[in-house]
Structures are given as structure tokens and as C-alpha cells.
Amino acid sequence: MRLLLTISLALWLTAAQAESVRVLVQSSPLAGSQYYAVGAQWQQMKVGDPLDLIREPDNRHDKHAIRVEWRGHKLGYVPRAENRVVAAAMDQGDKLVARIAKLTEHANPWRRVEFEVFVEL
């Protein structure tokens, strides 16, 4: 019985290692969307679409700045008040992935796009 449990555990661990595990790091509104491509790209964007996070350590407004892009179009930024943890993770070389979590037609640009950032383990 012990051998069977050991083999089962070994097979399960091997399968678990083959799949990457994602842990939610942050869920945020998109900052600055009114200044960038959200309006022009709105009809094509979908919940679940992947986003690219581009670190901008030389940004003159915020040394922790992280630009958010969708299919090569700049959509905005990770909010300044919420970007330090993600910036530190990126600077350490952690594998982060982001996706659109919510799209809402709203007069307030801070409520139009919400996105999630995950770390892959």
C-alpha cells in the first residue's frame, strides 16, 4: 500500500510540475486609458485577452512605471499607487502574465478596464 501511495504521489507531482501554476498578484483598474488606445481598440478587446506588461524604469513621472499593452497598442499603465510590487517582481525576473478581467462602458475612465496580474510558478 505504501509503495502504491508513493508511486501515486510521484506521478501527481510530475504532472503538477508539467503545468505552470498561476497565482493572482494584483487586480487593478487601468490608469490613463483615456489618453491611449483603449477607445480605438475597444470593440476588439475581450475579457481574458492577454496583456503585455512593459517595465519603464526610466519613466520621468514614476520610476516604478509599468506600461500595459494589448496586441502592441499602449492602453495605459498599472496605477502608480499599486505598481511597486509588480515592478519589483519584474525587476527580479519573475514571470508575470496579465489579462483583461473586466470591460465596462463607463464615463469614468478608471472603471472601463480592469486587469489582473499573475505570477507563474
PDB file of N, CA and C in Angstrom:
ATOM      1  N   MET A   1       0.828  -1.191   0.000  1.00  0.00           N
ATOM      2  CA  MET A   1       0.000   0.000   0.000  1.00  0.00           C
ATOM      3  C   MET A   1       0.872   1.256   0.000  1.00  0.00           C
ATOM      4  N   ARG A   2       1.922   1.243   0.842  1.00  0.00           N
ATOM      5  CA  ARG A   2       2.813   2.396   0.918  1.00  0.00           C
ATOM      6  C   ARG A   2       3.472   2.646  -0.442  1.00  0.00           C
ATOM      7  N   LEU A   3       3.885   1.587  -1.133  1.00  0.00           N
ATOM      8  CA  LEU A   3       4.506   1.716  -2.445  1.00  0.00           C
ATOM      9  C   LEU A   3       3.528   2.336  -3.436  1.00  0.00           C
ATOM     10  N   LEU A   4       2.279   1.896  -3.398  1.00  0.00           N
ATOM     11  CA  LEU A   4       1.252   2.436  -4.280  1.00  0.00           C
ATOM     12  C   LEU A   4       1.044   3.925  -4.029  1.00  0.00           C
ATOM     13  N   LEU A   5       0.996   4.328  -2.768  1.00  0.00           N
ATOM     14  CA  LEU A   5       0.842   5.746  -2.433  1.00  0.00           C
ATOM     15  C   LEU A   5       2.049   6.556  -2.892  1.00  0.00           C
ATOM     16  N   THR A   6       3.229   6.016  -2.726  1.00  0.00           N
ATOM     17  CA  THR A   6       4.453   6.700  -3.146  1.00  0.00           C
ATOM     18  C   THR A   6       4.469   6.896  -4.657  1.00  0.00           C
ATOM     19  N   ILE A   7       4.110   5.855  -5.386  1.00  0.00           N
ATOM     20  CA  ILE A   7       4.065   5.952  -6.848  1.00  0.00           C
ATOM     21  C   ILE A   7       3.004   6.958  -7.283  1.00  0.00           C
ATOM     22  N   SER A   8       1.835   6.914  -6.662  1.00  0.00           N
ATOM     23  CA  SER A   8       0.763   7.861  -6.995  1.00  0.00           C
ATOM     24  C   SER A   8       1.203   9.295  -6.743  1.00  0.00           C
ATOM     25  N   LEU A   9       1.845   9.517  -5.603  1.00  0.00           N
ATOM     26  CA  LEU A   9       2.319  10.857  -5.270  1.00  0.00           C
ATOM     27  C   LEU A   9       3.375  11.320  -6.266  1.00  0.00           C
ATOM     28  N   ALA A  10       4.283  10.447  -6.643  1.00  0.00           N
ATOM     29  CA  ALA A  10       5.327  10.794  -7.611  1.00  0.00           C
ATOM     30  C   ALA A  10       4.720  11.151  -8.964  1.00  0.00           C
ATOM     31  N   LEU A  11       3.732  10.381  -9.403  1.00  0.00           N
ATOM     32  CA  LEU A  11       3.066  10.681 -10.673  1.00  0.00           C
ATOM     33  C   LEU A  11       2.314  12.002 -10.605  1.00  0.00           C
ATOM     34  N   TRP A  12       1.652  12.258  -9.494  1.00  0.00           N
ATOM     35  CA  TRP A  12       0.910  13.509  -9.327  1.00  0.00           C
ATOM     36  C   TRP A  12       1.863  14.700  -9.341  1.00  0.00           C
ATOM     37  N   LEU A  13       2.995  14.599  -8.627  1.00  0.00           N
ATOM     38  CA  LEU A  13       3.968  15.693  -8.593  1.00  0.00           C
ATOM     39  C   LEU A  13       4.562  15.952  -9.966  1.00  0.00           C
ATOM     40  N   THR A  14       4.825  14.894 -10.718  1.00  0.00           N
ATOM     41  CA  THR A  14       5.349  15.051 -12.070  1.00  0.00           C
ATOM     42  C   THR A  14       4.342  15.777 -12.946  1.00  0.00           C
ATOM     43  N   ALA A  15       3.075  15.397 -12.854  1.00  0.00           N
ATOM     44  CA  ALA A  15       2.029  16.066 -13.638  1.00  0.00           C
ATOM     45  C   ALA A  15       1.870  17.512 -13.196  1.00  0.00           C
ATOM     46  N   ALA A  16       1.936  17.764 -11.910  1.00  0.00           N
ATOM     47  CA  ALA A  16       1.790  19.130 -11.396  1.00  0.00           C
ATOM     48  C   ALA A  16       2.941  20.010 -11.853  1.00  0.00           C
ATOM     49  N   GLN A  17       4.141  19.449 -11.927  1.00  0.00           N
ATOM     50  CA  GLN A  17       5.289  20.229 -12.371  1.00  0.00           C
ATOM     51  C   GLN A  17       5.212  20.535 -13.855  1.00  0.00           C
ATOM     52  N   ALA A  18       4.553  19.700 -14.627  1.00  0.00           N
ATOM     53  CA  ALA A  18       4.430  19.924 -16.061  1.00  0.00           C
ATOM     54  C   ALA A  18       3.531  21.118 -16.354  1.00  0.00           C
ATOM     55  N   GLU A  19       2.580  21.370 -15.485  1.00  0.00           N
ATOM     56  CA  GLU A  19       1.681  22.501 -15.658  1.00  0.00           C
ATOM     57  C   GLU A  19       2.190  23.668 -14.824  1.00  0.00           C
ATOM     58  N   SER A  20       2.129  24.870 -15.404  1.00  0.00           N
ATOM     59  CA  SER A  20       2.527  26.020 -14.602  1.00  0.00           C
ATOM     60  C   SER A  20       1.352  26.429 -13.718  1.00  0.00           C
ATOM     61  N   VAL A  21       1.688  26.912 -12.565  1.00  0.00           N
ATOM     62  CA  VAL A  21       0.683  27.364 -11.616  1.00  0.00           C
ATOM     63  C   VAL A  21       0.709  28.883 -11.613  1.00  0.00           C
ATOM     64  N   ARG A  22      -0.459  29.502 -11.704  1.00  0.00           N
ATOM     65  CA  ARG A  22      -0.556  30.960 -11.682  1.00  0.00           C
ATOM     66  C   ARG A  22      -1.184  31.403 -10.377  1.00  0.00           C
ATOM     67  N   VAL A  23      -0.561  32.396  -9.768  1.00  0.00           N
ATOM     68  CA  VAL A  23      -1.072  32.964  -8.527  1.00  0.00           C
ATOM     69  C   VAL A  23      -1.398  34.432  -8.787  1.00  0.00           C
ATOM     70  N   LEU A  24      -2.616  34.832  -8.439  1.00  0.00           N
ATOM     71  CA  LEU A  24      -3.029  36.222  -8.633  1.00  0.00           C
ATOM     72  C   LEU A  24      -2.217  37.127  -7.722  1.00  0.00           C
ATOM     73  N   VAL A  25      -1.561  38.102  -8.314  1.00  0.00           N
ATOM     74  CA  VAL A  25      -0.757  39.067  -7.572  1.00  0.00           C
ATOM     75  C   VAL A  25      -1.552  40.342  -7.340  1.00  0.00           C
ATOM     76  N   GLN A  26      -2.315  40.745  -8.361  1.00  0.00           N
ATOM     77  CA  GLN A  26      -2.981  42.038  -8.291  1.00  0.00           C
ATOM     78  C   GLN A  26      -4.125  42.110  -9.285  1.00  0.00           C
ATOM     79  N   SER A  27      -5.168  42.809  -8.888  1.00  0.00           N
ATOM     80  CA  SER A  27      -6.286  43.149  -9.758  1.00  0.00           C
ATOM     81  C   SER A  27      -6.445  44.657  -9.664  1.00  0.00           C
ATOM     82  N   SER A  28      -6.438  45.338 -10.808  1.00  0.00           N
ATOM     83  CA  SER A  28      -6.402  46.802 -10.800  1.00  0.00           C
ATOM     84  C   SER A  28      -7.206  47.392 -11.942  1.00  0.00           C
ATOM     85  N   PRO A  29      -7.608  48.659 -11.775  1.00  0.00           N
ATOM     86  CA  PRO A  29      -8.124  49.396 -12.924  1.00  0.00           C
ATOM     87  C   PRO A  29      -6.933  49.834 -13.773  1.00  0.00           C
ATOM     88  N   LEU A  30      -7.171  50.101 -15.025  1.00  0.00           N
ATOM     89  CA  LEU A  30      -6.126  50.581 -15.920  1.00  0.00           C
ATOM     90  C   LEU A  30      -6.010  52.094 -15.783  1.00  0.00           C
ATOM     91  N   ALA A  31      -4.825  52.586 -15.497  1.00  0.00           N
ATOM     92  CA  ALA A  31      -4.600  54.023 -15.347  1.00  0.00           C
ATOM     93  C   ALA A  31      -4.294  54.656 -16.701  1.00  0.00           C
ATOM     94  N   GLY A  32      -4.861  55.830 -16.941  1.00  0.00           N
ATOM     95  CA  GLY A  32      -4.536  56.599 -18.132  1.00  0.00           C
ATOM     96  C   GLY A  32      -5.178  56.127 -19.413  1.00  0.00           C
ATOM     97  N   SER A  33      -6.167  55.267 -19.333  1.00  0.00           N
ATOM     98  CA  SER A  33      -6.758  54.710 -20.556  1.00  0.00           C
ATOM     99  C   SER A  33      -7.358  55.778 -21.464  1.00  0.00           C
ATOM    100  N   GLN A  34      -7.771  56.895 -20.899  1.00  0.00           N
ATOM    101  CA  GLN A  34      -8.374  57.958 -21.706  1.00  0.00           C
ATOM    102  C   GLN A  34      -7.355  58.626 -22.627  1.00  0.00           C
ATOM    103  N   TYR A  35      -6.061  58.440 -22.374  1.00  0.00           N
ATOM    104  CA  TYR A  35      -5.022  59.079 -23.174  1.00  0.00           C
ATOM    105  C   TYR A  35      -4.440  58.179 -24.250  1.00  0.00           C
ATOM    106  N   TYR A  36      -4.773  56.910 -24.229  1.00  0.00           N
ATOM    107  CA  TYR A  36      -4.112  55.973 -25.124  1.00  0.00           C
ATOM    108  C   TYR A  36      -5.125  55.231 -25.996  1.00  0.00           C
ATOM    109  N   ALA A  37      -4.833  53.999 -26.396  1.00  0.00           N
ATOM    110  CA  ALA A  37      -5.558  53.307 -27.464  1.00  0.00           C
ATOM    111  C   ALA A  37      -6.830  52.585 -27.053  1.00  0.00           C
ATOM    112  N   VAL A  38      -7.284  52.716 -25.815  1.00  0.00           N
ATOM    113  CA  VAL A  38      -8.471  51.961 -25.402  1.00  0.00           C
ATOM    114  C   VAL A  38      -9.670  52.297 -26.280  1.00  0.00           C
ATOM    115  N   GLY A  39      -9.907  53.571 -26.534  1.00  0.00           N
ATOM    116  CA  GLY A  39     -11.055  53.967 -27.350  1.00  0.00           C
ATOM    117  C   GLY A  39     -11.011  53.375 -28.744  1.00  0.00           C
ATOM    118  N   ALA A  40      -9.850  53.422 -29.370  1.00  0.00           N
ATOM    119  CA  ALA A  40      -9.705  52.919 -30.736  1.00  0.00           C
ATOM    120  C   ALA A  40      -9.774  51.396 -30.807  1.00  0.00           C
ATOM    121  N   GLN A  41      -9.413  50.716 -29.736  1.00  0.00           N
ATOM    122  CA  GLN A  41      -9.361  49.252 -29.739  1.00  0.00           C
ATOM    123  C   GLN A  41     -10.526  48.595 -29.008  1.00  0.00           C
ATOM    124  N   TRP A  42     -11.396  49.389 -28.420  1.00  0.00           N
ATOM    125  CA  TRP A  42     -12.456  48.892 -27.535  1.00  0.00           C
ATOM    126  C   TRP A  42     -13.252  47.737 -28.131  1.00  0.00           C
ATOM    127  N   GLN A  43     -13.686  47.866 -29.378  1.00  0.00           N
ATOM    128  CA  GLN A  43     -14.555  46.850 -29.989  1.00  0.00           C
ATOM    129  C   GLN A  43     -13.869  45.497 -30.155  1.00  0.00           C
ATOM    130  N   GLN A  44     -12.545  45.498 -30.274  1.00  0.00           N
ATOM    131  CA  GLN A  44     -11.820  44.241 -30.469  1.00  0.00           C
ATOM    132  C   GLN A  44     -11.388  43.587 -29.151  1.00  0.00           C
ATOM    133  N   MET A  45     -11.301  44.360 -28.091  1.00  0.00           N
ATOM    134  CA  MET A  45     -10.819  43.833 -26.809  1.00  0.00           C
ATOM    135  C   MET A  45     -11.864  42.921 -26.174  1.00  0.00           C
ATOM    136  N   LYS A  46     -11.396  41.846 -25.552  1.00  0.00           N
ATOM    137  CA  LYS A  46     -12.286  40.874 -24.907  1.00  0.00           C
ATOM    138  C   LYS A  46     -11.748  40.514 -23.522  1.00  0.00           C
ATOM    139  N   VAL A  47     -12.664  40.201 -22.614  1.00  0.00           N
ATOM    140  CA  VAL A  47     -12.268  39.707 -21.297  1.00  0.00           C
ATOM    141  C   VAL A  47     -11.471  38.418 -21.498  1.00  0.00           C
ATOM    142  N   GLY A  48     -10.367  38.315 -20.808  1.00  0.00           N
ATOM    143  CA  GLY A  48      -9.494  37.153 -20.930  1.00  0.00           C
ATOM    144  C   GLY A  48      -8.325  37.360 -21.875  1.00  0.00           C
ATOM    145  N   ASP A  49      -8.387  38.403 -22.703  1.00  0.00           N
ATOM    146  CA  ASP A  49      -7.275  38.673 -23.618  1.00  0.00           C
ATOM    147  C   ASP A  49      -5.988  38.916 -22.833  1.00  0.00           C
ATOM    148  N   PRO A  50      -4.880  38.379 -23.327  1.00  0.00           N
ATOM    149  CA  PRO A  50      -3.598  38.626 -22.655  1.00  0.00           C
ATOM    150  C   PRO A  50      -3.136  40.062 -22.862  1.00  0.00           C
ATOM    151  N   LEU A  51      -2.433  40.572 -21.878  1.00  0.00           N
ATOM    152  CA  LEU A  51      -1.852  41.908 -21.926  1.00  0.00           C
ATOM    153  C   LEU A  51      -0.349  41.790 -21.723  1.00  0.00           C
ATOM    154  N   ASP A  52       0.391  42.706 -22.311  1.00  0.00           N
ATOM    155  CA  ASP A  52       1.833  42.757 -22.107  1.00  0.00           C
ATOM    156  C   ASP A  52       2.151  43.836 -21.086  1.00  0.00           C
ATOM    157  N   LEU A  53       3.023  43.505 -20.159  1.00  0.00           N
ATOM    158  CA  LEU A  53       3.496  44.456 -19.159  1.00  0.00           C
ATOM    159  C   LEU A  53       4.926  44.830 -19.528  1.00  0.00           C
ATOM    160  N   ILE A  54       5.173  46.123 -19.702  1.00  0.00           N
ATOM    161  CA  ILE A  54       6.492  46.608 -20.089  1.00  0.00           C
ATOM    162  C   ILE A  54       6.996  47.559 -19.011  1.00  0.00           C
ATOM    163  N   ARG A  55       8.078  47.182 -18.404  1.00  0.00           N
ATOM    164  CA  ARG A  55       8.670  47.977 -17.327  1.00  0.00           C
ATOM    165  C   ARG A  55       9.320  49.229 -17.912  1.00  0.00           C
ATOM    166  N   GLU A  56       9.090  50.391 -17.289  1.00  0.00           N
ATOM    167  CA  GLU A  56       9.680  51.660 -17.708  1.00  0.00           C
ATOM    168  C   GLU A  56      10.447  52.288 -16.538  1.00  0.00           C
ATOM    169  N   PRO A  57      11.609  51.739 -16.172  1.00  0.00           N
ATOM    170  CA  PRO A  57      12.349  52.264 -15.021  1.00  0.00           C
ATOM    171  C   PRO A  57      12.855  53.690 -15.218  1.00  0.00           C
ATOM    172  N   ASP A  58      12.951  54.138 -16.464  1.00  0.00           N
ATOM    173  CA  ASP A  58      13.426  55.498 -16.745  1.00  0.00           C
ATOM    174  C   ASP A  58      12.291  56.489 -16.962  1.00  0.00           C
ATOM    175  N   ASN A  59      11.063  56.091 -16.660  1.00  0.00           N
ATOM    176  CA  ASN A  59       9.906  56.980 -16.805  1.00  0.00           C
ATOM    177  C   ASN A  59      10.099  58.189 -15.888  1.00  0.00           C
ATOM    178  N   ARG A  60       9.998  59.391 -16.444  1.00  0.00           N
ATOM    179  CA  ARG A  60      10.289  60.600 -15.657  1.00  0.00           C
ATOM    180  C   ARG A  60       9.221  60.915 -14.619  1.00  0.00           C
ATOM    181  N   HIS A  61       8.032  60.320 -14.754  1.00  0.00           N
ATOM    182  CA  HIS A  61       6.948  60.572 -13.804  1.00  0.00           C
ATOM    183  C   HIS A  61       6.910  59.558 -12.664  1.00  0.00           C
ATOM    184  N   ASP A  62       7.420  58.346 -12.924  1.00  0.00           N
ATOM    185  CA  ASP A  62       7.312  57.271 -11.936  1.00  0.00           C
ATOM    186  C   ASP A  62       8.380  56.212 -12.211  1.00  0.00           C
ATOM    187  N   LYS A  63       9.334  56.066 -11.305  1.00  0.00           N
ATOM    188  CA  LYS A  63      10.415  55.096 -11.516  1.00  0.00           C
ATOM    189  C   LYS A  63       9.942  53.645 -11.439  1.00  0.00           C
ATOM    190  N   HIS A  64       8.704  53.424 -10.970  1.00  0.00           N
ATOM    191  CA  HIS A  64       8.133  52.075 -10.900  1.00  0.00           C
ATOM    192  C   HIS A  64       7.113  51.832 -12.027  1.00  0.00           C
ATOM    193  N   ALA A  65       7.103  52.696 -13.023  1.00  0.00           N
ATOM    194  CA  ALA A  65       6.085  52.645 -14.077  1.00  0.00           C
ATOM    195  C   ALA A  65       6.101  51.320 -14.840  1.00  0.00           C
ATOM    196  N   ILE A  66       4.878  50.847 -15.135  1.00  0.00           N
ATOM    197  CA  ILE A  66       4.693  49.640 -15.941  1.00  0.00           C
ATOM    198  C   ILE A  66       3.619  49.941 -16.978  1.00  0.00           C
ATOM    199  N   ARG A  67       4.029  49.960 -18.235  1.00  0.00           N
ATOM    200  CA  ARG A  67       3.109  50.199 -19.350  1.00  0.00           C
ATOM    201  C   ARG A  67       2.323  48.920 -19.622  1.00  0.00           C
ATOM    202  N   VAL A  68       1.050  49.085 -19.977  1.00  0.00           N
ATOM    203  CA  VAL A  68       0.182  47.952 -20.299  1.00  0.00           C
ATOM    204  C   VAL A  68      -0.182  48.044 -21.778  1.00  0.00           C
ATOM    205  N   GLU A  69       0.092  46.969 -22.515  1.00  0.00           N
ATOM    206  CA  GLU A  69      -0.216  46.929 -23.945  1.00  0.00           C
ATOM    207  C   GLU A  69      -1.104  45.737 -24.272  1.00  0.00           C
ATOM    208  N   TRP A  70      -1.905  45.928 -25.301  1.00  0.00           N
ATOM    209  CA  TRP A  70      -2.756  44.874 -25.857  1.00  0.00           C
ATOM    210  C   TRP A  70      -2.451  44.795 -27.345  1.00  0.00           C
ATOM    211  N   ARG A  71      -1.937  43.669 -27.785  1.00  0.00           N
ATOM    212  CA  ARG A  71      -1.594  43.445 -29.194  1.00  0.00           C
ATOM    213  C   ARG A  71      -0.746  44.585 -29.769  1.00  0.00           C
ATOM    214  N   GLY A  72       0.206  45.064 -28.983  1.00  0.00           N
ATOM    215  CA  GLY A  72       1.110  46.117 -29.441  1.00  0.00           C
ATOM    216  C   GLY A  72       0.581  47.527 -29.293  1.00  0.00           C
ATOM    217  N   HIS A  73      -0.624  47.682 -28.789  1.00  0.00           N
ATOM    218  CA  HIS A  73      -1.225  49.007 -28.588  1.00  0.00           C
ATOM    219  C   HIS A  73      -1.116  49.397 -27.117  1.00  0.00           C
ATOM    220  N   LYS A  74      -0.576  50.560 -26.874  1.00  0.00           N
ATOM    221  CA  LYS A  74      -0.464  51.055 -25.499  1.00  0.00           C
ATOM    222  C   LYS A  74      -1.847  51.427 -24.990  1.00  0.00           C
ATOM    223  N   LEU A  75      -2.254  50.783 -23.882  1.00  0.00           N
ATOM    224  CA  LEU A  75      -3.570  51.049 -23.301  1.00  0.00           C
ATOM    225  C   LEU A  75      -3.497  51.987 -22.108  1.00  0.00           C
ATOM    226  N   GLY A  76      -2.386  51.969 -21.393  1.00  0.00           N
ATOM    227  CA  GLY A  76      -2.254  52.772 -20.189  1.00  0.00           C
ATOM    228  C   GLY A  76      -1.171  52.201 -19.304  1.00  0.00           C
ATOM    229  N   TYR A  77      -1.373  52.345 -17.986  1.00  0.00           N
ATOM    230  CA  TYR A  77      -0.358  51.936 -17.016  1.00  0.00           C
ATOM    231  C   TYR A  77      -0.984  51.216 -15.828  1.00  0.00           C
ATOM    232  N   VAL A  78      -0.148  50.436 -15.144  1.00  0.00           N
ATOM    233  CA  VAL A  78      -0.519  49.931 -13.827  1.00  0.00           C
ATOM    234  C   VAL A  78      -0.586  51.171 -12.937  1.00  0.00           C
ATOM    235  N   PRO A  79      -1.653  51.353 -12.156  1.00  0.00           N
ATOM    236  CA  PRO A  79      -1.768  52.561 -11.329  1.00  0.00           C
ATOM    237  C   PRO A  79      -0.541  52.770 -10.433  1.00  0.00           C
ATOM    238  N   ARG A  80      -0.101  54.013 -10.362  1.00  0.00           N
ATOM    239  CA  ARG A  80       1.093  54.360  -9.580  1.00  0.00           C
ATOM    240  C   ARG A  80       1.002  53.880  -8.132  1.00  0.00           C
ATOM    241  N   ALA A  81      -0.168  53.996  -7.543  1.00  0.00           N
ATOM    242  CA  ALA A  81      -0.341  53.596  -6.140  1.00  0.00           C
ATOM    243  C   ALA A  81      -0.259  52.084  -5.947  1.00  0.00           C
ATOM    244  N   GLU A  82      -0.300  51.320  -7.045  1.00  0.00           N
ATOM    245  CA  GLU A  82      -0.348  49.859  -6.952  1.00  0.00           C
ATOM    246  C   GLU A  82       0.761  49.160  -7.733  1.00  0.00           C
ATOM    247  N   ASN A  83       1.779  49.890  -8.189  1.00  0.00           N
ATOM    248  CA  ASN A  83       2.726  49.260  -9.111  1.00  0.00           C
ATOM    249  C   ASN A  83       4.033  48.774  -8.494  1.00  0.00           C
ATOM    250  N   ARG A  84       4.299  49.068  -7.240  1.00  0.00           N
ATOM    251  CA  ARG A  84       5.608  48.734  -6.656  1.00  0.00           C
ATOM    252  C   ARG A  84       5.879  47.231  -6.577  1.00  0.00           C
ATOM    253  N   VAL A  85       4.897  46.460  -6.161  1.00  0.00           N
ATOM    254  CA  VAL A  85       5.105  45.009  -6.029  1.00  0.00           C
ATOM    255  C   VAL A  85       5.341  44.378  -7.397  1.00  0.00           C
ATOM    256  N   VAL A  86       4.542  44.776  -8.371  1.00  0.00           N
ATOM    257  CA  VAL A  86       4.694  44.219  -9.717  1.00  0.00           C
ATOM    258  C   VAL A  86       6.031  44.659 -10.316  1.00  0.00           C
ATOM    259  N   ALA A  87       6.405  45.925 -10.126  1.00  0.00           N
ATOM    260  CA  ALA A  87       7.693  46.413 -10.635  1.00  0.00           C
ATOM    261  C   ALA A  87       8.851  45.637 -10.010  1.00  0.00           C
ATOM    262  N   ALA A  88       8.790  45.410  -8.708  1.00  0.00           N
ATOM    263  CA  ALA A  88       9.854  44.660  -8.025  1.00  0.00           C
ATOM    264  C   ALA A  88       9.931  43.229  -8.557  1.00  0.00           C
ATOM    265  N   ALA A  89       8.780  42.615  -8.771  1.00  0.00           N
ATOM    266  CA  ALA A  89       8.757  41.249  -9.308  1.00  0.00           C
ATOM    267  C   ALA A  89       9.362  41.211 -10.710  1.00  0.00           C
ATOM    268  N   MET A  90       9.017  42.189 -11.535  1.00  0.00           N
ATOM    269  CA  MET A  90       9.580  42.249 -12.885  1.00  0.00           C
ATOM    270  C   MET A  90      11.091  42.466 -12.828  1.00  0.00           C
ATOM    271  N   ASP A  91      11.532  43.345 -11.947  1.00  0.00           N
ATOM    272  CA  ASP A  91      12.964  43.632 -11.820  1.00  0.00           C
ATOM    273  C   ASP A  91      13.750  42.411 -11.346  1.00  0.00           C
ATOM    274  N   GLN A  92      13.103  41.538 -10.578  1.00  0.00           N
ATOM    275  CA  GLN A  92      13.737  40.299 -10.098  1.00  0.00           C
ATOM    276  C   GLN A  92      13.719  39.198 -11.145  1.00  0.00           C
ATOM    277  N   GLY A  93      12.993  39.423 -12.243  1.00  0.00           N
ATOM    278  CA  GLY A  93      12.922  38.424 -13.294  1.00  0.00           C
ATOM    279  C   GLY A  93      11.798  37.424 -13.136  1.00  0.00           C
ATOM    280  N   ASP A  94      10.854  37.700 -12.229  1.00  0.00           N
ATOM    281  CA  ASP A  94       9.706  36.802 -12.073  1.00  0.00           C
ATOM    282  C   ASP A  94       8.890  36.783 -13.358  1.00  0.00           C
ATOM    283  N   LYS A  95       8.305  35.633 -13.671  1.00  0.00           N
ATOM    284  CA  LYS A  95       7.465  35.516 -14.868  1.00  0.00           C
ATOM    285  C   LYS A  95       6.055  35.958 -14.509  1.00  0.00           C
ATOM    286  N   LEU A  96       5.664  37.110 -15.035  1.00  0.00           N
ATOM    287  CA  LEU A  96       4.331  37.647 -14.788  1.00  0.00           C
ATOM    288  C   LEU A  96       3.518  37.594 -16.065  1.00  0.00           C
ATOM    289  N   VAL A  97       2.242  37.322 -15.914  1.00  0.00           N
ATOM    290  CA  VAL A  97       1.307  37.379 -17.032  1.00  0.00           C
ATOM    291  C   VAL A  97       0.120  38.229 -16.601  1.00  0.00           C
ATOM    292  N   ALA A  98      -0.467  38.912 -17.575  1.00  0.00           N
ATOM    293  CA  ALA A  98      -1.609  39.773 -17.277  1.00  0.00           C
ATOM    294  C   ALA A  98      -2.708  39.503 -18.288  1.00  0.00           C
ATOM    295  N   ARG A  99      -3.940  39.783 -17.862  1.00  0.00           N
ATOM    296  CA  ARG A  99      -5.082  39.593 -18.758  1.00  0.00           C
ATOM    297  C   ARG A  99      -6.171  40.597 -18.417  1.00  0.00           C
ATOM    298  N   ILE A 100      -7.032  40.848 -19.385  1.00  0.00           N
ATOM    299  CA  ILE A 100      -8.189  41.710 -19.154  1.00  0.00           C
ATOM    300  C   ILE A 100      -9.173  40.940 -18.285  1.00  0.00           C
ATOM    301  N   ALA A 101      -9.590  41.547 -17.174  1.00  0.00           N
ATOM    302  CA  ALA A 101     -10.527  40.896 -16.257  1.00  0.00           C
ATOM    303  C   ALA A 101     -11.945  41.412 -16.434  1.00  0.00           C
ATOM    304  N   LYS A 102     -12.082  42.688 -16.821  1.00  0.00           N
ATOM    305  CA  LYS A 102     -13.416  43.274 -16.919  1.00  0.00           C
ATOM    306  C   LYS A 102     -13.381  44.458 -17.874  1.00  0.00           C
ATOM    307  N   LEU A 103     -14.394  44.561 -18.714  1.00  0.00           N
ATOM    308  CA  LEU A 103     -14.576  45.699 -19.611  1.00  0.00           C
ATOM    309  C   LEU A 103     -15.961  46.279 -19.361  1.00  0.00           C
ATOM    310  N   THR A 104     -16.021  47.571 -19.079  1.00  0.00           N
ATOM    311  CA  THR A 104     -17.290  48.219 -18.775  1.00  0.00           C
ATOM    312  C   THR A 104     -17.358  49.555 -19.495  1.00  0.00           C
ATOM    313  N   GLU A 105     -18.429  49.788 -20.231  1.00  0.00           N
ATOM    314  CA  GLU A 105     -18.617  51.110 -20.835  1.00  0.00           C
ATOM    315  C   GLU A 105     -19.075  52.044 -19.729  1.00  0.00           C
ATOM    316  N   HIS A 106     -18.195  52.964 -19.361  1.00  0.00           N
ATOM    317  CA  HIS A 106     -18.464  53.847 -18.232  1.00  0.00           C
ATOM    318  C   HIS A 106     -17.867  55.215 -18.521  1.00  0.00           C
ATOM    319  N   ALA A 107     -18.500  56.270 -18.034  1.00  0.00           N
ATOM    320  CA  ALA A 107     -17.989  57.630 -18.229  1.00  0.00           C
ATOM    321  C   ALA A 107     -16.654  57.843 -17.515  1.00  0.00           C
ATOM    322  N   ASN A 108     -16.467  57.172 -16.388  1.00  0.00           N
ATOM    323  CA  ASN A 108     -15.229  57.292 -15.632  1.00  0.00           C
ATOM    324  C   ASN A 108     -14.186  56.344 -16.239  1.00  0.00           C
ATOM    325  N   PRO A 109     -13.093  56.875 -16.815  1.00  0.00           N
ATOM    326  CA  PRO A 109     -12.109  56.002 -17.461  1.00  0.00           C
ATOM    327  C   PRO A 109     -11.456  54.995 -16.517  1.00  0.00           C
ATOM    328  N   TRP A 110     -11.433  55.285 -15.229  1.00  0.00           N
ATOM    329  CA  TRP A 110     -10.848  54.360 -14.257  1.00  0.00           C
ATOM    330  C   TRP A 110     -11.717  53.114 -14.067  1.00  0.00           C
ATOM    331  N   ARG A 111     -12.930  53.133 -14.579  1.00  0.00           N
ATOM    332  CA  ARG A 111     -13.823  51.979 -14.412  1.00  0.00           C
ATOM    333  C   ARG A 111     -14.020  51.190 -15.703  1.00  0.00           C
ATOM    334  N   ARG A 112     -13.376  51.600 -16.782  1.00  0.00           N
ATOM    335  CA  ARG A 112     -13.585  50.944 -18.076  1.00  0.00           C
ATOM    336  C   ARG A 112     -12.871  49.602 -18.207  1.00  0.00           C
ATOM    337  N   VAL A 113     -11.623  49.556 -17.798  1.00  0.00           N
ATOM    338  CA  VAL A 113     -10.822  48.335 -17.972  1.00  0.00           C
ATOM    339  C   VAL A 113     -10.219  47.934 -16.634  1.00  0.00           C
ATOM    340  N   GLU A 114     -10.476  46.702 -16.241  1.00  0.00           N
ATOM    341  CA  GLU A 114      -9.796  46.127 -15.083  1.00  0.00           C
ATOM    342  C   GLU A 114      -8.948  44.970 -15.596  1.00  0.00           C
ATOM    343  N   PHE A 115      -7.785  44.812 -15.002  1.00  0.00           N
ATOM    344  CA  PHE A 115      -6.900  43.734 -15.426  1.00  0.00           C
ATOM    345  C   PHE A 115      -6.317  43.027 -14.215  1.00  0.00           C
ATOM    346  N   GLU A 116      -5.842  41.820 -14.465  1.00  0.00           N
ATOM    347  CA  GLU A 116      -5.246  41.003 -13.410  1.00  0.00           C
ATOM    348  C   GLU A 116      -3.814  40.660 -13.790  1.00  0.00           C
ATOM    349  N   VAL A 117      -2.971  40.601 -12.776  1.00  0.00           N
ATOM    350  CA  VAL A 117      -1.575  40.216 -12.959  1.00  0.00           C
ATOM    351  C   VAL A 117      -1.332  38.954 -12.134  1.00  0.00           C
ATOM    352  N   PHE A 118      -0.737  37.967 -12.767  1.00  0.00           N
ATOM    353  CA  PHE A 118      -0.426  36.693 -12.123  1.00  0.00           C
ATOM    354  C   PHE A 118       1.074  36.444 -12.182  1.00  0.00           C
ATOM    355  N   VAL A 119       1.589  35.739 -11.197  1.00  0.00           N
ATOM    356  CA  VAL A 119       2.957  35.235 -11.260  1.00  0.00           C
ATOM    357  C   VAL A 119       2.854  33.747 -11.571  1.00  0.00           C
ATOM    358  N   GLU A 120       3.686  33.304 -12.505  1.00  0.00           N
ATOM    359  CA  GLU A 120       3.714  31.882 -12.853  1.00  0.00           C
ATOM    360  C   GLU A 120       4.793  31.203 -12.037  1.00  0.00           C
ATOM    361  N   LEU A 121       4.394  30.142 -11.351  1.00  0.00           N
ATOM    362  CA  LEU A 121       5.337  29.388 -10.517  1.00  0.00           C
ATOM    363  C   LEU A 121       5.785  28.132 -11.228  1.00  0.00           C
TER     364      LEU A 121
END
